[in-house]
Amino acid sequence: MSSKDSLKKFFEWVRSLPCCICGSGYWDLDKGMWRNTVSHIKTKGSGGKDFDNVVPMCLINYCHQQFELKTRQEKQELVELANEYTRRFYEVKLL
């Protein structure tokens, strides 16, 4: 599997998880499942990666996160969550 395919599967998996802030999401009629947005903690434009740098967020929290400055502690908590999601993805993927 190419890294591009792996990243695509990772993003699809993250989108299927509940919002890391409020636990909600939105119902995707086409997919027949709950969906969320893949939110980069550090933007790709400022050198952020894909793996270990994304968390699932509902659209409300995604917009809120994009325009509100986070404290260093809040950012660190999101980084730790992103690392956990990546670790869980690889555990599931290897089964």
N, C-alpha and C. Protein backbone atom coordinates (compact mmCIF):
# COMPACT_ATOMS: atom_id res chain seq x y z
N MET A 1 0.85 -1.18 0.00
CA MET A 1 0.00 0.00 0.00
C MET A 1 0.89 1.24 0.00
N SER A 2 0.58 2.17 -0.89
CA SER A 2 1.39 3.38 -0.96
C SER A 2 1.08 4.29 0.22
N SER A 3 1.98 5.22 0.47
CA SER A 3 1.76 6.15 1.59
C SER A 3 0.54 7.04 1.32
N LYS A 4 0.26 7.33 0.05
CA LYS A 4 -0.92 8.12 -0.30
C LYS A 4 -2.20 7.35 0.04
N ASP A 5 -2.22 6.06 -0.26
CA ASP A 5 -3.37 5.22 0.08
C ASP A 5 -3.53 5.11 1.59
N SER A 6 -2.41 4.96 2.28
CA SER A 6 -2.43 4.85 3.73
C SER A 6 -2.97 6.13 4.35
N LEU A 7 -2.55 7.27 3.85
CA LEU A 7 -3.02 8.56 4.36
C LEU A 7 -4.52 8.73 4.10
N LYS A 8 -4.97 8.34 2.92
CA LYS A 8 -6.38 8.43 2.59
C LYS A 8 -7.21 7.58 3.56
N LYS A 9 -6.76 6.36 3.84
CA LYS A 9 -7.47 5.49 4.78
C LYS A 9 -7.43 6.06 6.19
N PHE A 10 -6.31 6.66 6.56
CA PHE A 10 -6.19 7.27 7.88
C PHE A 10 -7.18 8.42 8.02
N PHE A 11 -7.26 9.29 7.02
CA PHE A 11 -8.20 10.42 7.06
C PHE A 11 -9.65 9.92 7.12
N GLU A 12 -9.99 8.90 6.34
CA GLU A 12 -11.34 8.35 6.38
C GLU A 12 -11.66 7.81 7.76
N TRP A 13 -10.69 7.14 8.38
CA TRP A 13 -10.89 6.60 9.73
C TRP A 13 -11.08 7.73 10.73
N VAL A 14 -10.25 8.77 10.66
CA VAL A 14 -10.37 9.90 11.59
C VAL A 14 -11.72 10.58 11.40
N ARG A 15 -12.19 10.74 10.17
CA ARG A 15 -13.49 11.37 9.92
C ARG A 15 -14.64 10.59 10.55
N SER A 16 -14.47 9.27 10.70
CA SER A 16 -15.53 8.43 11.24
C SER A 16 -15.60 8.47 12.76
N LEU A 17 -14.62 9.10 13.41
CA LEU A 17 -14.58 9.16 14.88
C LEU A 17 -15.39 10.35 15.39
N PRO A 18 -15.86 10.27 16.65
CA PRO A 18 -16.57 11.42 17.23
C PRO A 18 -15.63 12.61 17.40
N CYS A 19 -16.20 13.79 17.44
CA CYS A 19 -15.44 15.03 17.66
C CYS A 19 -14.65 14.90 18.96
N CYS A 20 -13.38 15.25 18.93
CA CYS A 20 -12.53 15.13 20.12
C CYS A 20 -12.86 16.18 21.17
N ILE A 21 -13.65 17.17 20.83
CA ILE A 21 -14.02 18.23 21.78
C ILE A 21 -15.38 17.92 22.42
N CYS A 22 -16.40 17.68 21.60
CA CYS A 22 -17.75 17.53 22.14
C CYS A 22 -18.36 16.14 21.94
N GLY A 23 -17.70 15.29 21.15
CA GLY A 23 -18.20 13.92 20.96
C GLY A 23 -19.29 13.77 19.91
N SER A 24 -19.57 14.83 19.16
CA SER A 24 -20.65 14.74 18.16
C SER A 24 -20.08 14.65 16.75
N GLY A 25 -20.92 14.84 15.79
CA GLY A 25 -20.55 14.81 14.38
C GLY A 25 -21.79 15.15 13.58
N TYR A 26 -21.78 14.84 12.31
CA TYR A 26 -22.97 15.04 11.49
C TYR A 26 -23.22 13.77 10.70
N TRP A 27 -24.47 13.54 10.36
CA TRP A 27 -24.85 12.33 9.65
C TRP A 27 -24.64 12.55 8.15
N ASP A 28 -23.77 11.74 7.55
CA ASP A 28 -23.50 11.80 6.12
C ASP A 28 -24.49 10.88 5.42
N LEU A 29 -25.48 11.46 4.72
CA LEU A 29 -26.50 10.65 4.06
C LEU A 29 -25.91 9.75 2.98
N ASP A 30 -24.90 10.23 2.27
CA ASP A 30 -24.30 9.44 1.19
C ASP A 30 -23.56 8.22 1.74
N LYS A 31 -22.84 8.41 2.84
CA LYS A 31 -22.05 7.32 3.42
C LYS A 31 -22.84 6.49 4.43
N GLY A 32 -23.95 7.06 4.95
CA GLY A 32 -24.74 6.37 5.95
C GLY A 32 -24.01 6.20 7.27
N MET A 33 -23.27 7.23 7.65
CA MET A 33 -22.50 7.15 8.90
C MET A 33 -22.23 8.55 9.44
N TRP A 34 -21.84 8.59 10.72
CA TRP A 34 -21.43 9.86 11.33
C TRP A 34 -20.11 10.28 10.74
N ARG A 35 -19.94 11.57 10.54
CA ARG A 35 -18.71 12.10 9.94
C ARG A 35 -18.24 13.31 10.72
N ASN A 36 -16.97 13.58 10.63
CA ASN A 36 -16.37 14.78 11.18
C ASN A 36 -15.30 15.29 10.24
N THR A 37 -14.73 16.40 10.59
CA THR A 37 -13.68 17.02 9.81
C THR A 37 -12.33 16.60 10.35
N VAL A 38 -11.38 16.38 9.46
CA VAL A 38 -10.00 16.12 9.88
C VAL A 38 -9.36 17.48 10.13
N SER A 39 -8.98 17.73 11.37
CA SER A 39 -8.42 19.03 11.73
C SER A 39 -6.93 18.89 12.03
N HIS A 40 -6.12 19.61 11.25
CA HIS A 40 -4.68 19.64 11.51
C HIS A 40 -4.42 20.56 12.71
N ILE A 41 -3.63 20.10 13.64
CA ILE A 41 -3.29 20.93 14.81
C ILE A 41 -2.33 22.03 14.39
N LYS A 42 -1.28 21.64 13.69
CA LYS A 42 -0.35 22.61 13.10
C LYS A 42 -0.61 22.55 11.60
N THR A 43 -0.93 23.67 11.00
CA THR A 43 -1.29 23.66 9.58
C THR A 43 -0.15 23.14 8.71
N LYS A 44 -0.54 22.57 7.59
CA LYS A 44 0.48 22.07 6.66
C LYS A 44 1.34 23.22 6.15
N GLY A 45 0.73 24.40 5.99
CA GLY A 45 1.47 25.58 5.52
C GLY A 45 2.55 26.02 6.48
N SER A 46 2.38 25.71 7.77
CA SER A 46 3.41 26.09 8.75
C SER A 46 4.26 24.88 9.16
N GLY A 47 4.25 23.84 8.31
CA GLY A 47 5.14 22.71 8.52
C GLY A 47 4.53 21.52 9.25
N GLY A 48 3.21 21.54 9.43
CA GLY A 48 2.54 20.43 10.10
C GLY A 48 2.52 19.18 9.24
N LYS A 49 2.53 18.02 9.90
CA LYS A 49 2.47 16.73 9.21
C LYS A 49 1.01 16.31 9.08
N ASP A 50 0.80 15.12 8.53
CA ASP A 50 -0.53 14.54 8.50
C ASP A 50 -0.69 13.57 9.66
N PHE A 51 0.15 12.56 9.73
CA PHE A 51 0.10 11.63 10.84
C PHE A 51 0.61 12.32 12.11
N ASP A 52 0.07 11.96 13.25
CA ASP A 52 0.42 12.55 14.55
C ASP A 52 0.11 14.05 14.62
N ASN A 53 -0.76 14.55 13.75
CA ASN A 53 -1.04 15.98 13.74
C ASN A 53 -2.51 16.28 13.43
N VAL A 54 -3.37 15.27 13.40
CA VAL A 54 -4.77 15.51 13.08
C VAL A 54 -5.68 14.89 14.14
N VAL A 55 -6.82 15.53 14.35
CA VAL A 55 -7.85 15.04 15.26
C VAL A 55 -9.20 15.23 14.58
N PRO A 56 -10.21 14.42 14.96
CA PRO A 56 -11.55 14.62 14.41
C PRO A 56 -12.27 15.74 15.13
N MET A 57 -12.90 16.63 14.38
CA MET A 57 -13.70 17.71 14.98
C MET A 57 -14.97 17.90 14.19
N CYS A 58 -16.06 18.19 14.92
CA CYS A 58 -17.30 18.56 14.25
C CYS A 58 -17.07 19.93 13.60
N LEU A 59 -17.96 20.30 12.71
CA LEU A 59 -17.76 21.56 11.98
C LEU A 59 -17.75 22.78 12.90
N ILE A 60 -18.57 22.76 13.94
CA ILE A 60 -18.60 23.89 14.87
C ILE A 60 -17.27 24.05 15.57
N ASN A 61 -16.75 22.97 16.15
CA ASN A 61 -15.47 23.07 16.86
C ASN A 61 -14.30 23.29 15.91
N TYR A 62 -14.40 22.76 14.70
CA TYR A 62 -13.35 23.00 13.70
C TYR A 62 -13.24 24.49 13.40
N CYS A 63 -14.37 25.13 13.14
CA CYS A 63 -14.35 26.58 12.86
C CYS A 63 -13.87 27.36 14.08
N HIS A 64 -14.32 26.98 15.24
CA HIS A 64 -13.91 27.64 16.47
C HIS A 64 -12.39 27.52 16.67
N GLN A 65 -11.87 26.32 16.42
CA GLN A 65 -10.43 26.09 16.60
C GLN A 65 -9.60 26.88 15.60
N GLN A 66 -10.12 27.06 14.39
CA GLN A 66 -9.37 27.77 13.36
C GLN A 66 -9.17 29.25 13.68
N PHE A 67 -10.12 29.83 14.43
CA PHE A 67 -10.08 31.27 14.66
C PHE A 67 -9.80 31.67 16.09
N GLU A 68 -9.62 30.71 16.97
CA GLU A 68 -9.34 31.04 18.36
C GLU A 68 -7.91 30.60 18.70
N LEU A 69 -7.17 31.47 19.32
CA LEU A 69 -5.82 31.12 19.74
C LEU A 69 -5.90 30.18 20.93
N LYS A 70 -5.18 29.09 20.86
CA LYS A 70 -5.18 28.09 21.93
C LYS A 70 -4.00 28.35 22.86
N THR A 71 -4.19 27.94 24.11
CA THR A 71 -3.07 28.02 25.04
C THR A 71 -2.08 26.91 24.71
N ARG A 72 -0.89 27.02 25.20
CA ARG A 72 0.12 26.00 24.96
C ARG A 72 -0.35 24.64 25.49
N GLN A 73 -1.03 24.64 26.64
CA GLN A 73 -1.52 23.39 27.22
C GLN A 73 -2.61 22.76 26.35
N GLU A 74 -3.52 23.58 25.84
CA GLU A 74 -4.58 23.06 24.97
C GLU A 74 -3.98 22.46 23.69
N LYS A 75 -3.00 23.13 23.12
CA LYS A 75 -2.35 22.59 21.92
C LYS A 75 -1.65 21.28 22.23
N GLN A 76 -0.98 21.21 23.39
CA GLN A 76 -0.29 19.98 23.77
C GLN A 76 -1.27 18.83 23.95
N GLU A 77 -2.43 19.11 24.53
CA GLU A 77 -3.46 18.08 24.69
C GLU A 77 -3.93 17.57 23.34
N LEU A 78 -4.10 18.47 22.37
CA LEU A 78 -4.50 18.06 21.02
C LEU A 78 -3.41 17.24 20.35
N VAL A 79 -2.15 17.60 20.55
CA VAL A 79 -1.03 16.84 19.99
C VAL A 79 -1.03 15.43 20.57
N GLU A 80 -1.24 15.31 21.88
CA GLU A 80 -1.27 13.99 22.51
C GLU A 80 -2.43 13.15 21.96
N LEU A 81 -3.59 13.80 21.75
CA LEU A 81 -4.72 13.09 21.15
C LEU A 81 -4.38 12.63 19.73
N ALA A 82 -3.77 13.50 18.95
CA ALA A 82 -3.39 13.15 17.57
C ALA A 82 -2.43 11.97 17.56
N ASN A 83 -1.47 11.95 18.46
CA ASN A 83 -0.55 10.82 18.55
C ASN A 83 -1.29 9.54 18.89
N GLU A 84 -2.27 9.62 19.79
CA GLU A 84 -3.06 8.46 20.18
C GLU A 84 -3.89 7.95 19.00
N TYR A 85 -4.50 8.85 18.23
CA TYR A 85 -5.28 8.43 17.07
C TYR A 85 -4.39 7.72 16.04
N THR A 86 -3.21 8.25 15.80
CA THR A 86 -2.29 7.61 14.85
C THR A 86 -1.89 6.22 15.35
N ARG A 87 -1.57 6.12 16.65
CA ARG A 87 -1.19 4.82 17.22
C ARG A 87 -2.35 3.82 17.08
N ARG A 88 -3.57 4.25 17.39
CA ARG A 88 -4.73 3.36 17.28
C ARG A 88 -4.99 2.95 15.84
N PHE A 89 -4.80 3.87 14.90
CA PHE A 89 -5.00 3.55 13.49
C PHE A 89 -4.06 2.43 13.06
N TYR A 90 -2.79 2.54 13.43
CA TYR A 90 -1.83 1.51 13.04
C TYR A 90 -2.08 0.19 13.74
N GLU A 91 -2.57 0.22 14.97
CA GLU A 91 -2.93 -1.02 15.65
C GLU A 91 -4.07 -1.73 14.92
N VAL A 92 -5.10 -0.98 14.57
CA VAL A 92 -6.25 -1.54 13.88
C VAL A 92 -5.86 -2.02 12.49
N LYS A 93 -5.05 -1.22 11.81
CA LYS A 93 -4.63 -1.53 10.45
C LYS A 93 -3.79 -2.81 10.39
N LEU A 94 -3.03 -3.07 11.44
CA LEU A 94 -2.16 -4.25 11.44
C LEU A 94 -2.90 -5.53 11.82
N LEU A 95 -4.12 -5.41 12.34
CA LEU A 95 -4.89 -6.61 12.72
C LEU A 95 -5.43 -7.34 11.53
